[in-house]
C-alpha atoms as a PDB file:
ATOM      1  CA  UNK A   1      99.270 124.822 104.675  1.00  0.00           C
ATOM      2  CA  UNK A   2     101.105 127.173 107.038  1.00  0.00           C
ATOM      3  CA  UNK A   3      97.965 127.386 109.177  1.00  0.00           C
ATOM      4  CA  UNK A   4      97.756 123.609 109.678  1.00  0.00           C
ATOM      5  CA  UNK A   5      98.667 122.404 113.152  1.00  0.00           C
ATOM      6  CA  UNK A   6     100.273 119.052 113.827  1.00  0.00           C
ATOM      7  CA  UNK A   7      97.998 116.614 115.698  1.00  0.00           C
ATOM      8  CA  UNK A   8      98.234 116.225 119.472  1.00  0.00           C
ATOM      9  CA  UNK A   9      99.930 113.108 120.842  1.00  0.00           C
ATOM     10  CA  UNK A  10      98.915 110.963 123.819  1.00  0.00           C
ATOM     11  CA  UNK A  11     100.436 108.563 126.337  1.00  0.00           C
ATOM     12  CA  UNK A  12      99.479 104.902 126.540  1.00  0.00           C
ATOM     13  CA  UNK A  13      96.988 105.352 129.416  1.00  0.00           C
ATOM     14  CA  UNK A  14      95.127 108.015 127.394  1.00  0.00           C
ATOM     15  CA  UNK A  15      94.121 105.794 124.460  1.00  0.00           C
ATOM     16  CA  UNK A  16      91.802 102.749 124.334  1.00  0.00           C
ATOM     17  CA  UNK A  17      93.422  99.326 124.749  1.00  0.00           C
ATOM     18  CA  UNK A  18      92.964  98.376 121.098  1.00  0.00           C
ATOM     19  CA  UNK A  19      95.445 101.110 120.126  1.00  0.00           C
ATOM     20  CA  UNK A  20      98.103 100.206 122.678  1.00  0.00           C
ATOM     21  CA  UNK A  21     101.364  98.444 121.808  1.00  0.00           C
ATOM     22  CA  UNK A  22     103.500  96.474 124.254  1.00  0.00           C
ATOM     23  CA  UNK A  23     106.399  98.515 125.589  1.00  0.00           C
ATOM     24  CA  UNK A  24     105.370 101.708 123.740  1.00  0.00           C
ATOM     25  CA  UNK A  25     104.433 104.264 126.372  1.00  0.00           C
ATOM     26  CA  UNK A  26     103.984 107.512 124.415  1.00  0.00           C
ATOM     27  CA  UNK A  27     103.616 109.045 120.969  1.00  0.00           C
ATOM     28  CA  UNK A  28     100.087 107.799 120.280  1.00  0.00           C
ATOM     29  CA  UNK A  29      97.830 109.692 117.888  1.00  0.00           C
ATOM     30  CA  UNK A  30      94.207 110.563 118.609  1.00  0.00           C
ATOM     31  CA  UNK A  31      92.097 107.386 118.172  1.00  0.00           C
ATOM     32  CA  UNK A  32      89.571 109.373 116.126  1.00  0.00           C
ATOM     33  CA  UNK A  33      91.989 111.159 113.845  1.00  0.00           C
ATOM     34  CA  UNK A  34      90.794 112.502 110.520  1.00  0.00           C
ATOM     35  CA  UNK A  35      92.435 111.324 107.294  1.00  0.00           C
ATOM     36  CA  UNK A  36      94.213 114.693 107.073  1.00  0.00           C
ATOM     37  CA  UNK A  37      95.477 114.346 110.652  1.00  0.00           C
ATOM     38  CA  UNK A  38      96.816 110.890 109.790  1.00  0.00           C
ATOM     39  CA  UNK A  39      98.691 112.242 106.785  1.00  0.00           C
ATOM     40  CA  UNK A  40     100.055 115.192 108.758  1.00  0.00           C
ATOM     41  CA  UNK A  41     101.181 112.862 111.546  1.00  0.00           C
ATOM     42  CA  UNK A  42     103.535 111.143 109.119  1.00  0.00           C
ATOM     43  CA  UNK A  43     105.544 114.397 109.109  1.00  0.00           C
ATOM     44  CA  UNK A  44     105.790 114.633 112.902  1.00  0.00           C
ATOM     45  CA  UNK A  45     107.544 112.266 115.278  1.00  0.00           C
ATOM     46  CA  UNK A  46     105.005 109.744 116.584  1.00  0.00           C
ATOM     47  CA  UNK A  47     105.459 106.100 117.470  1.00  0.00           C
ATOM     48  CA  UNK A  48     104.227 105.262 113.944  1.00  0.00           C
ATOM     49  CA  UNK A  49     106.285 107.716 111.870  1.00  0.00           C
ATOM     50  CA  UNK A  50     109.281 105.453 111.287  1.00  0.00           C
ATOM     51  CA  UNK A  51     106.926 102.533 110.597  1.00  0.00           C
ATOM     52  CA  UNK A  52     105.274 104.571 107.851  1.00  0.00           C
ATOM     53  CA  UNK A  53     108.466 105.709 106.137  1.00  0.00           C
ATOM     54  CA  UNK A  54     110.408 102.441 106.425  1.00  0.00           C
ATOM     55  CA  UNK A  55     107.873 100.890 104.066  1.00  0.00           C
ATOM     56  CA  UNK A  56     106.808 103.924 102.021  1.00  0.00           C
ATOM     57  CA  UNK A  57     110.316 104.732 100.775  1.00  0.00           C
ATOM     58  CA  UNK A  58     111.197 101.115  99.854  1.00  0.00           C
ATOM     59  CA  UNK A  59     107.990 100.992  97.802  1.00  0.00           C
ATOM     60  CA  UNK A  60     109.549 103.548  95.473  1.00  0.00           C
ATOM     61  CA  UNK A  61     112.809 101.609  95.363  1.00  0.00           C
ATOM     62  CA  UNK A  62     111.008  98.448  94.266  1.00  0.00           C
ATOM     63  CA  UNK A  63     108.930 100.436  91.760  1.00  0.00           C
ATOM     64  CA  UNK A  64     112.166 101.836  90.322  1.00  0.00           C
ATOM     65  CA  UNK A  65     113.641  98.335  90.010  1.00  0.00           C
ATOM     66  CA  UNK A  66     110.400  97.165  88.402  1.00  0.00           C
ATOM     67  CA  UNK A  67     110.506 100.018  85.874  1.00  0.00           C
ATOM     68  CA  UNK A  68     114.095  99.118  84.983  1.00  0.00           C
ATOM     69  CA  UNK A  69     113.082  95.512  84.371  1.00  0.00           C
ATOM     70  CA  UNK A  70     110.204  96.673  82.175  1.00  0.00           C
ATOM     71  CA  UNK A  71     112.740  98.268  79.824  1.00  0.00           C
ATOM     72  CA  UNK A  72     114.872  95.129  79.540  1.00  0.00           C
ATOM     73  CA  UNK A  73     112.297  92.321  79.652  1.00  0.00           C
ATOM     74  CA  UNK A  74     109.182  91.655  77.576  1.00  0.00           C
ATOM     75  CA  UNK A  75     106.556  91.122  80.250  1.00  0.00           C
ATOM     76  CA  UNK A  76     103.754  91.153  77.667  1.00  0.00           C
ATOM     77  CA  UNK A  77     104.944  88.476  75.248  1.00  0.00           C
ATOM     78  CA  UNK A  78     107.607  86.406  77.041  1.00  0.00           C
ATOM     79  CA  UNK A  79     105.763  83.920  79.245  1.00  0.00           C
ATOM     80  CA  UNK A  80     108.993  82.986  81.041  1.00  0.00           C
ATOM     81  CA  UNK A  81     108.904  86.429  82.695  1.00  0.00           C
ATOM     82  CA  UNK A  82     105.321  86.224  83.958  1.00  0.00           C
ATOM     83  CA  UNK A  83     106.209  84.746  87.388  1.00  0.00           C
ATOM     84  CA  UNK A  84     108.672  87.610  87.829  1.00  0.00           C
ATOM     85  CA  UNK A  85     105.949  90.082  86.826  1.00  0.00           C
ATOM     86  CA  UNK A  86     103.671  88.733  89.570  1.00  0.00           C
ATOM     87  CA  UNK A  87     106.500  88.847  92.096  1.00  0.00           C
ATOM     88  CA  UNK A  88     107.514  92.423  91.284  1.00  0.00           C
ATOM     89  CA  UNK A  89     103.927  93.639  91.526  1.00  0.00           C
ATOM     90  CA  UNK A  90     103.567  92.105  94.974  1.00  0.00           C
ATOM     91  CA  UNK A  91     106.864  93.347  96.437  1.00  0.00           C
ATOM     92  CA  UNK A  92     105.676  96.823  95.443  1.00  0.00           C
ATOM     93  CA  UNK A  93     102.223  96.201  96.904  1.00  0.00           C
ATOM     94  CA  UNK A  94     103.033  94.842 100.353  1.00  0.00           C
ATOM     95  CA  UNK A  95     105.230  97.715 101.659  1.00  0.00           C
ATOM     96  CA  UNK A  96     102.843 100.306 100.225  1.00  0.00           C
ATOM     97  CA  UNK A  97      99.852  98.629 101.892  1.00  0.00           C
ATOM     98  CA  UNK A  98     101.766  98.424 105.166  1.00  0.00           C
ATOM     99  CA  UNK A  99     102.671 102.115 104.988  1.00  0.00           C
ATOM    100  CA  UNK A 100      99.022 103.046 104.370  1.00  0.00           C
ATOM    101  CA  UNK A 101      97.869 100.797 107.226  1.00  0.00           C
ATOM    102  CA  UNK A 102     100.226 102.474 109.686  1.00  0.00           C
ATOM    103  CA  UNK A 103      99.231 105.912 108.394  1.00  0.00           C
ATOM    104  CA  UNK A 104      95.452 105.570 108.696  1.00  0.00           C
ATOM    105  CA  UNK A 105      95.145 103.066 111.566  1.00  0.00           C
ATOM    106  CA  UNK A 106      94.286 105.780 114.096  1.00  0.00           C
ATOM    107  CA  UNK A 107      91.035 106.917 112.430  1.00  0.00           C
ATOM    108  CA  UNK A 108      88.928 104.587 114.611  1.00  0.00           C
ATOM    109  CA  UNK A 109      89.031 101.137 116.175  1.00  0.00           C
ATOM    110  CA  UNK A 110      87.195  99.702 113.177  1.00  0.00           C
ATOM    111  CA  UNK A 111      89.484 101.477 110.722  1.00  0.00           C
ATOM    112  CA  UNK A 112      92.506 100.155 112.605  1.00  0.00           C
ATOM    113  CA  UNK A 113      91.350  96.557 112.232  1.00  0.00           C
ATOM    114  CA  UNK A 114      90.444  96.995 108.561  1.00  0.00           C
ATOM    115  CA  UNK A 115      93.755  98.701 107.770  1.00  0.00           C
ATOM    116  CA  UNK A 116      95.640  95.762 109.212  1.00  0.00           C
ATOM    117  CA  UNK A 117      93.333  93.262 107.515  1.00  0.00           C
ATOM    118  CA  UNK A 118      94.523  94.727 104.208  1.00  0.00           C
ATOM    119  CA  UNK A 119      98.102  94.704 105.483  1.00  0.00           C
ATOM    120  CA  UNK A 120      97.835  90.993 106.272  1.00  0.00           C
ATOM    121  CA  UNK A 121      96.168  90.336 102.921  1.00  0.00           C
ATOM    122  CA  UNK A 122      99.007  92.029 101.044  1.00  0.00           C
ATOM    123  CA  UNK A 123     101.581  89.980 102.961  1.00  0.00           C
ATOM    124  CA  UNK A 124      99.726  86.748 102.239  1.00  0.00           C
ATOM    125  CA  UNK A 125      99.589  87.665  98.539  1.00  0.00           C
ATOM    126  CA  UNK A 126     103.323  88.299  98.704  1.00  0.00           C
ATOM    127  CA  UNK A 127     103.748  84.740 100.011  1.00  0.00           C
ATOM    128  CA  UNK A 128     101.703  83.548  97.038  1.00  0.00           C
ATOM    129  CA  UNK A 129     103.965  85.540  94.715  1.00  0.00           C
ATOM    130  CA  UNK A 130     106.966  83.826  96.287  1.00  0.00           C
ATOM    131  CA  UNK A 131     105.373  80.423  95.655  1.00  0.00           C
ATOM    132  CA  UNK A 132     104.736  81.285  91.989  1.00  0.00           C
ATOM    133  CA  UNK A 133     108.261  82.616  91.516  1.00  0.00           C
ATOM    134  CA  UNK A 134     110.084  79.854  93.384  1.00  0.00           C
ATOM    135  CA  UNK A 135     108.039  77.223  91.579  1.00  0.00           C
ATOM    136  CA  UNK A 136     109.186  78.674  88.266  1.00  0.00           C
ATOM    137  CA  UNK A 137     112.807  79.646  88.906  1.00  0.00           C
ATOM    138  CA  UNK A 138     114.128  78.279  92.230  1.00  0.00           C
ATOM    139  CA  UNK A 139     112.957  74.660  92.304  1.00  0.00           C
ATOM    140  CA  UNK A 140     115.843  72.169  92.801  1.00  0.00           C
ATOM    141  CA  UNK A 141     116.735  70.240  89.672  1.00  0.00           C
ATOM    142  CA  UNK A 142     115.624  66.938  91.199  1.00  0.00           C
ATOM    143  CA  UNK A 143     112.228  68.359  92.095  1.00  0.00           C
ATOM    144  CA  UNK A 144     111.340  69.723  88.668  1.00  0.00           C
ATOM    145  CA  UNK A 145     108.167  68.026  87.330  1.00  0.00           C
ATOM    146  CA  UNK A 146     107.652  66.224  90.655  1.00  0.00           C
ATOM    147  CA  UNK A 147     104.281  66.121  92.423  1.00  0.00           C
ATOM    148  CA  UNK A 148     105.356  68.966  94.699  1.00  0.00           C
ATOM    149  CA  UNK A 149     106.466  71.066  91.750  1.00  0.00           C
ATOM    150  CA  UNK A 150     103.186  70.512  89.943  1.00  0.00           C
ATOM    151  CA  UNK A 151     101.122  71.447  93.002  1.00  0.00           C
ATOM    152  CA  UNK A 152     103.413  74.073  94.510  1.00  0.00           C
ATOM    153  CA  UNK A 153     101.331  77.053  93.422  1.00  0.00           C
ATOM    154  CA  UNK A 154      98.044  75.388  94.381  1.00  0.00           C
ATOM    155  CA  UNK A 155      99.334  74.837  97.915  1.00  0.00           C
ATOM    156  CA  UNK A 156     100.627  78.422  97.835  1.00  0.00           C
ATOM    157  CA  UNK A 157      97.073  79.651  97.205  1.00  0.00           C
ATOM    158  CA  UNK A 158      95.785  77.608 100.160  1.00  0.00           C
ATOM    159  CA  UNK A 159      98.578  78.977 102.359  1.00  0.00           C
ATOM    160  CA  UNK A 160      97.686  82.514 101.318  1.00  0.00           C
ATOM    161  CA  UNK A 161      94.058  82.027 102.327  1.00  0.00           C
ATOM    162  CA  UNK A 162      95.132  80.401 105.607  1.00  0.00           C
ATOM    163  CA  UNK A 163      97.488  83.315 106.312  1.00  0.00           C
ATOM    164  CA  UNK A 164      94.865  86.002 105.756  1.00  0.00           C
ATOM    165  CA  UNK A 165      92.131  84.135 107.644  1.00  0.00           C
ATOM    166  CA  UNK A 166      94.268  83.292 110.669  1.00  0.00           C
ATOM    167  CA  UNK A 167      95.900  86.719 110.961  1.00  0.00           C
ATOM    168  CA  UNK A 168      92.564  88.536 110.630  1.00  0.00           C
ATOM    169  CA  UNK A 169      90.950  86.227 113.190  1.00  0.00           C
ATOM    170  CA  UNK A 170      93.808  86.913 115.616  1.00  0.00           C
ATOM    171  CA  UNK A 171      92.646  90.511 115.946  1.00  0.00           C
ATOM    172  CA  UNK A 172      89.274  89.377 117.328  1.00  0.00           C
ATOM    173  CA  UNK A 173      90.906  87.666 120.321  1.00  0.00           C
ATOM    174  CA  UNK A 174      93.722  90.175 120.831  1.00  0.00           C
ATOM    175  CA  UNK A 175      92.265  92.042 123.806  1.00  0.00           C
ATOM    176  CA  UNK A 176      91.022  89.000 125.735  1.00  0.00           C
ATOM    177  CA  UNK A 177      93.881  86.606 124.864  1.00  0.00           C
ATOM    178  CA  UNK A 178      96.915  88.631 123.714  1.00  0.00           C
ATOM    179  CA  UNK A 179      99.342  85.695 123.858  1.00  0.00           C
ATOM    180  CA  UNK A 180      97.017  83.449 121.864  1.00  0.00           C
ATOM    181  CA  UNK A 181      96.558  86.241 119.336  1.00  0.00           C
ATOM    182  CA  UNK A 182     100.299  86.645 118.933  1.00  0.00           C
ATOM    183  CA  UNK A 183     100.823  82.908 118.458  1.00  0.00           C
ATOM    184  CA  UNK A 184      98.056  82.699 115.854  1.00  0.00           C
ATOM    185  CA  UNK A 185      99.354  85.709 113.936  1.00  0.00           C
ATOM    186  CA  UNK A 186     102.944  84.511 114.004  1.00  0.00           C
ATOM    187  CA  UNK A 187     101.926  81.033 112.843  1.00  0.00           C
ATOM    188  CA  UNK A 188      99.835  82.562 110.066  1.00  0.00           C
ATOM    189  CA  UNK A 189     102.956  84.036 108.493  1.00  0.00           C
ATOM    190  CA  UNK A 190     105.454  81.295 109.393  1.00  0.00           C
ATOM    191  CA  UNK A 191     103.523  78.504 107.654  1.00  0.00           C
ATOM    192  CA  UNK A 192     103.583  80.090 104.154  1.00  0.00           C
ATOM    193  CA  UNK A 193     107.190  81.199 104.645  1.00  0.00           C
ATOM    194  CA  UNK A 194     108.386  77.705 105.577  1.00  0.00           C
ATOM    195  CA  UNK A 195     106.513  76.096 102.697  1.00  0.00           C
ATOM    196  CA  UNK A 196     107.772  78.617 100.138  1.00  0.00           C
ATOM    197  CA  UNK A 197     111.319  78.188 101.443  1.00  0.00           C
ATOM    198  CA  UNK A 198     111.462  74.369 101.231  1.00  0.00           C
ATOM    199  CA  UNK A 199     113.167  74.474  97.804  1.00  0.00           C
ATOM    200  CA  UNK A 200     115.736  76.941  99.158  1.00  0.00           C
ATOM    201  CA  UNK A 201     116.432  74.850 102.263  1.00  0.00           C
ATOM    202  CA  UNK A 202     117.005  71.790 100.067  1.00  0.00           C
ATOM    203  CA  UNK A 203     119.338  73.637  97.699  1.00  0.00           C
ATOM    204  CA  UNK A 204     121.345  75.143 100.554  1.00  0.00           C
ATOM    205  CA  UNK A 205     121.626  71.817 102.399  1.00  0.00           C
ATOM    206  CA  UNK A 206     122.668  70.099  99.169  1.00  0.00           C
ATOM    207  CA  UNK A 207     125.502  72.575  98.813  1.00  0.00           C
ATOM    208  CA  UNK A 208     126.512  72.023 102.422  1.00  0.00           C
ATOM    209  CA  UNK A 209     126.673  68.291 101.680  1.00  0.00           C
ATOM    210  CA  UNK A 210     128.876  68.988  98.665  1.00  0.00           C
ATOM    211  CA  UNK A 211     126.447  67.940  95.933  1.00  0.00           C
ATOM    212  CA  UNK A 212     126.433  71.375  94.299  1.00  0.00           C
ATOM    213  CA  UNK A 213     128.741  74.332  93.838  1.00  0.00           C
ATOM    214  CA  UNK A 214     128.112  77.687  95.552  1.00  0.00           C
ATOM    215  CA  UNK A 215     126.455  80.302  93.364  1.00  0.00           C
ATOM    216  CA  UNK A 216     125.560  83.966  93.484  1.00  0.00           C
ATOM    217  CA  UNK A 217     121.860  83.070  93.683  1.00  0.00           C
ATOM    218  CA  UNK A 218     122.341  80.801  96.704  1.00  0.00           C
ATOM    219  CA  UNK A 219     124.363  83.492  98.466  1.00  0.00           C
ATOM    220  CA  UNK A 220     121.507  85.968  97.996  1.00  0.00           C
ATOM    221  CA  UNK A 221     118.958  83.344  99.069  1.00  0.00           C
ATOM    222  CA  UNK A 222     121.030  82.795 102.232  1.00  0.00           C
ATOM    223  CA  UNK A 223     120.994  86.506 103.070  1.00  0.00           C
ATOM    224  CA  UNK A 224     117.257  86.615 102.433  1.00  0.00           C
ATOM    225  CA  UNK A 225     116.632  83.698 104.798  1.00  0.00           C
ATOM    226  CA  UNK A 226     118.863  85.268 107.445  1.00  0.00           C
ATOM    227  CA  UNK A 227     116.888  88.518 107.385  1.00  0.00           C
ATOM    228  CA  UNK A 228     113.607  86.580 107.252  1.00  0.00           C
ATOM    229  CA  UNK A 229     114.475  84.729 110.470  1.00  0.00           C
ATOM    230  CA  UNK A 230     115.565  88.009 112.063  1.00  0.00           C
ATOM    231  CA  UNK A 231     112.271  89.585 110.977  1.00  0.00           C
ATOM    232  CA  UNK A 232     110.322  86.769 112.615  1.00  0.00           C
ATOM    233  CA  UNK A 233     112.342  87.068 115.822  1.00  0.00           C
ATOM    234  CA  UNK A 234     111.704  90.814 116.085  1.00  0.00           C
ATOM    235  CA  UNK A 235     107.998  90.392 115.356  1.00  0.00           C
ATOM    236  CA  UNK A 236     107.548  87.732 118.026  1.00  0.00           C
ATOM    237  CA  UNK A 237     109.875  89.037 120.728  1.00  0.00           C
ATOM    238  CA  UNK A 238     109.003  92.760 120.976  1.00  0.00           C
ATOM    239  CA  UNK A 239     112.657  93.481 121.683  1.00  0.00           C
ATOM    240  CA  UNK A 240     114.156  95.877 122.664  1.00  0.00           C
ATOM    241  CA  UNK A 241     111.131  97.852 123.953  1.00  0.00           C
ATOM    242  CA  UNK A 242     109.981  94.964 126.152  1.00  0.00           C
ATOM    243  CA  UNK A 243     113.206  95.277 128.169  1.00  0.00           C
ATOM    244  CA  UNK A 244     113.003  99.073 128.494  1.00  0.00           C
ATOM    245  CA  UNK A 245     109.398 100.326 128.084  1.00  0.00           C
ATOM    246  CA  UNK A 246     109.281 103.931 126.958  1.00  0.00           C
ATOM    247  CA  UNK A 247     112.912 104.110 125.797  1.00  0.00           C
ATOM    248  CA  UNK A 248     112.214 103.158 122.173  1.00  0.00           C
ATOM    249  CA  UNK A 249     108.797 104.728 121.631  1.00  0.00           C
ATOM    250  CA  UNK A 250     109.850 106.840 118.646  1.00  0.00           C
ATOM    251  CA  UNK A 251     113.014 105.266 117.274  1.00  0.00           C
ATOM    252  CA  UNK A 252     114.383 101.744 117.582  1.00  0.00           C
ATOM    253  CA  UNK A 253     111.409  99.622 118.639  1.00  0.00           C
ATOM    254  CA  UNK A 254     110.923  96.130 117.256  1.00  0.00           C
ATOM    255  CA  UNK A 255     108.312  96.922 114.625  1.00  0.00           C
ATOM    256  CA  UNK A 256     110.576  99.499 113.004  1.00  0.00           C
ATOM    257  CA  UNK A 257     113.482  97.038 112.995  1.00  0.00           C
ATOM    258  CA  UNK A 258     111.064  94.389 111.695  1.00  0.00           C
ATOM    259  CA  UNK A 259     110.181  96.652 108.750  1.00  0.00           C
ATOM    260  CA  UNK A 260     113.825  97.328 107.912  1.00  0.00           C
ATOM    261  CA  UNK A 261     114.802  93.645 108.066  1.00  0.00           C
ATOM    262  CA  UNK A 262     111.789  92.662 105.944  1.00  0.00           C
ATOM    263  CA  UNK A 263     112.686  95.146 103.215  1.00  0.00           C
ATOM    264  CA  UNK A 264     116.390  94.253 103.211  1.00  0.00           C
ATOM    265  CA  UNK A 265     115.444  90.571 103.059  1.00  0.00           C
ATOM    266  CA  UNK A 266     113.111  91.247 100.130  1.00  0.00           C
ATOM    267  CA  UNK A 267     115.937  93.051  98.321  1.00  0.00           C
ATOM    268  CA  UNK A 268     118.192  89.991  98.625  1.00  0.00           C
ATOM    269  CA  UNK A 269     115.301  87.747  97.624  1.00  0.00           C
ATOM    270  CA  UNK A 270     114.698  89.828  94.510  1.00  0.00           C
ATOM    271  CA  UNK A 271     118.378  89.634  93.563  1.00  0.00           C
ATOM    272  CA  UNK A 272     118.345  85.863  94.067  1.00  0.00           C
ATOM    273  CA  UNK A 273     115.207  85.440  91.958  1.00  0.00           C
ATOM    274  CA  UNK A 274     116.677  87.547  89.138  1.00  0.00           C
ATOM    275  CA  UNK A 275     119.906  85.530  89.223  1.00  0.00           C
ATOM    276  CA  UNK A 276     118.094  82.170  89.227  1.00  0.00           C
ATOM    277  CA  UNK A 277     115.823  83.345  86.444  1.00  0.00           C
ATOM    278  CA  UNK A 278     118.719  84.331  84.184  1.00  0.00           C
ATOM    279  CA  UNK A 279     121.222  81.588  85.017  1.00  0.00           C
ATOM    280  CA  UNK A 280     118.766  78.660  84.942  1.00  0.00           C
ATOM    281  CA  UNK A 281     116.654  79.748  81.957  1.00  0.00           C
ATOM    282  CA  UNK A 282     118.097  77.352  79.375  1.00  0.00           C
ATOM    283  CA  UNK A 283     117.930  74.340  81.701  1.00  0.00           C
ATOM    284  CA  UNK A 284     114.449  75.112  83.017  1.00  0.00           C
ATOM    285  CA  UNK A 285     112.911  75.783  79.602  1.00  0.00           C
ATOM    286  CA  UNK A 286     114.342  72.506  78.255  1.00  0.00           C
ATOM    287  CA  UNK A 287     113.217  70.352  81.205  1.00  0.00           C
ATOM    288  CA  UNK A 288     109.820  71.826  82.084  1.00  0.00           C
ATOM    289  CA  UNK A 289     106.966  73.657  80.415  1.00  0.00           C
ATOM    290  CA  UNK A 290     106.926  77.438  80.216  1.00  0.00           C
ATOM    291  CA  UNK A 291     104.799  79.288  82.796  1.00  0.00           C
ATOM    292  CA  UNK A 292     101.254  79.871  81.598  1.00  0.00           C
ATOM    293  CA  UNK A 293      99.112  82.963  82.011  1.00  0.00           C
ATOM    294  CA  UNK A 294      96.449  81.160  84.119  1.00  0.00           C
ATOM    295  CA  UNK A 295      99.141  79.694  86.416  1.00  0.00           C
ATOM    296  CA  UNK A 296     100.758  83.076  87.057  1.00  0.00           C
ATOM    297  CA  UNK A 297      98.697  86.215  86.491  1.00  0.00           C
ATOM    298  CA  UNK A 298      95.482  84.194  86.654  1.00  0.00           C
ATOM    299  CA  UNK A 299      96.424  82.750  90.048  1.00  0.00           C
ATOM    300  CA  UNK A 300      97.304  86.241  91.268  1.00  0.00           C
ATOM    301  CA  UNK A 301      93.885  87.577  90.252  1.00  0.00           C
ATOM    302  CA  UNK A 302      92.183  84.608  91.926  1.00  0.00           C
ATOM    303  CA  UNK A 303      94.257  85.141  95.072  1.00  0.00           C
ATOM    304  CA  UNK A 304      93.360  88.834  95.177  1.00  0.00           C
ATOM    305  CA  UNK A 305      89.637  88.119  94.829  1.00  0.00           C
ATOM    306  CA  UNK A 306      89.622  85.368  97.459  1.00  0.00           C
ATOM    307  CA  UNK A 307      91.648  87.425  99.921  1.00  0.00           C
ATOM    308  CA  UNK A 308      89.393  90.435  99.406  1.00  0.00           C
ATOM    309  CA  UNK A 309      86.445  88.164 100.160  1.00  0.00           C
ATOM    310  CA  UNK A 310      88.062  87.020 103.415  1.00  0.00           C
ATOM    311  CA  UNK A 311      88.840  90.614 104.391  1.00  0.00           C
ATOM    312  CA  UNK A 312      85.245  91.582 103.630  1.00  0.00           C
ATOM    313  CA  UNK A 313      83.882  88.787 105.828  1.00  0.00           C
ATOM    314  CA  UNK A 314      86.064  89.706 108.788  1.00  0.00           C
ATOM    315  CA  UNK A 315      85.391  93.425 108.316  1.00  0.00           C
ATOM    316  CA  UNK A 316      81.641  92.781 108.388  1.00  0.00           C
ATOM    317  CA  UNK A 317      82.061  90.901 111.672  1.00  0.00           C
ATOM    318  CA  UNK A 318      83.776  93.747 113.498  1.00  0.00           C
ATOM    319  CA  UNK A 319      81.900  95.165 116.495  1.00  0.00           C
ATOM    320  CA  UNK A 320      80.824  98.755 115.989  1.00  0.00           C
ATOM    321  CA  UNK A 321      82.186 101.165 118.576  1.00  0.00           C
ATOM    322  CA  UNK A 322      80.121 104.326 119.122  1.00  0.00           C
ATOM    323  CA  UNK A 323      82.078 107.474 118.434  1.00  0.00           C
ATOM    324  CA  UNK A 324      81.189 108.871 121.838  1.00  0.00           C
ATOM    325  CA  UNK A 325      82.865 106.002 123.698  1.00  0.00           C
ATOM    326  CA  UNK A 326      86.313 106.802 122.324  1.00  0.00           C
ATOM    327  CA  UNK A 327      85.962 110.496 123.089  1.00  0.00           C
ATOM    328  CA  UNK A 328      84.671 109.691 126.568  1.00  0.00           C
ATOM    329  CA  UNK A 329      87.709 107.488 127.223  1.00  0.00           C
ATOM    330  CA  UNK A 330      90.053 110.328 126.339  1.00  0.00           C
ATOM    331  CA  UNK A 331      88.172 112.775 128.562  1.00  0.00           C
ATOM    332  CA  UNK A 332      88.184 110.353 131.467  1.00  0.00           C
ATOM    333  CA  UNK A 333      91.925 109.819 131.203  1.00  0.00           C
END
């Protein structure tokens, strides 16, 4: 290990356009890095290092919280906990997938696209997990057993497929139409978020109108929504690096802040879900049917298979870039 050398870094004009990020002028890895180079680069300061660790470390935090819940809840036999099981699996999956995508995205242009296809798929599955969990624990009292409640998870599946399809497609038009690509990708994630959050918006507005009393769960939901909106703003705005290109290449650019806000928001969301689950259990179990295995774990398995199919279709449609062209670009620059 002592003989291993850290990979060389490049400036923005030295790498192909597909690897370039707005406002990030330096710290790029070789666009044909080996898997070992990618792993080693996570231990040197590149423009991806903080992106990698801001989702890798929280993965272990969520796994720790999941393991603690496994000791106090009966995930095997208690069907009331199955929506929480799905949710906990997915909040462990999405940051880990994101960390892997940022780690290995410099292996080639094709690998970069595929890495982010999986990243988008994990995020869309997370939105599905939110739909399953909110439909079971966070639905307003007046909405329980309504048409929306009965079809909430079904629409969540459709939103998940829309999210993965639209975000993957956005990468195909990124070079020719960067603004269109950004709009498509942002919309792909906003639509599931807004739908999943409808029950929360209603509960919060009801409290503002005085028809309910404030609760610990609603406070945590409020913090989650605040960080979710901040996450969206950072993702869409590319601030602060857009105002000062090159100043935030390694620390402080929008994608790093986006990662931090997303994880903090997920923490508050998890706390809110746990509070709703415990405090509303007696009322929910007496006014609606218990969650079923097909409607929770079964839907998750279906969502995984369908999203993998979408990722496979888009991966098969990627143009193949000869290895020599990337090397030639570096030599020319």
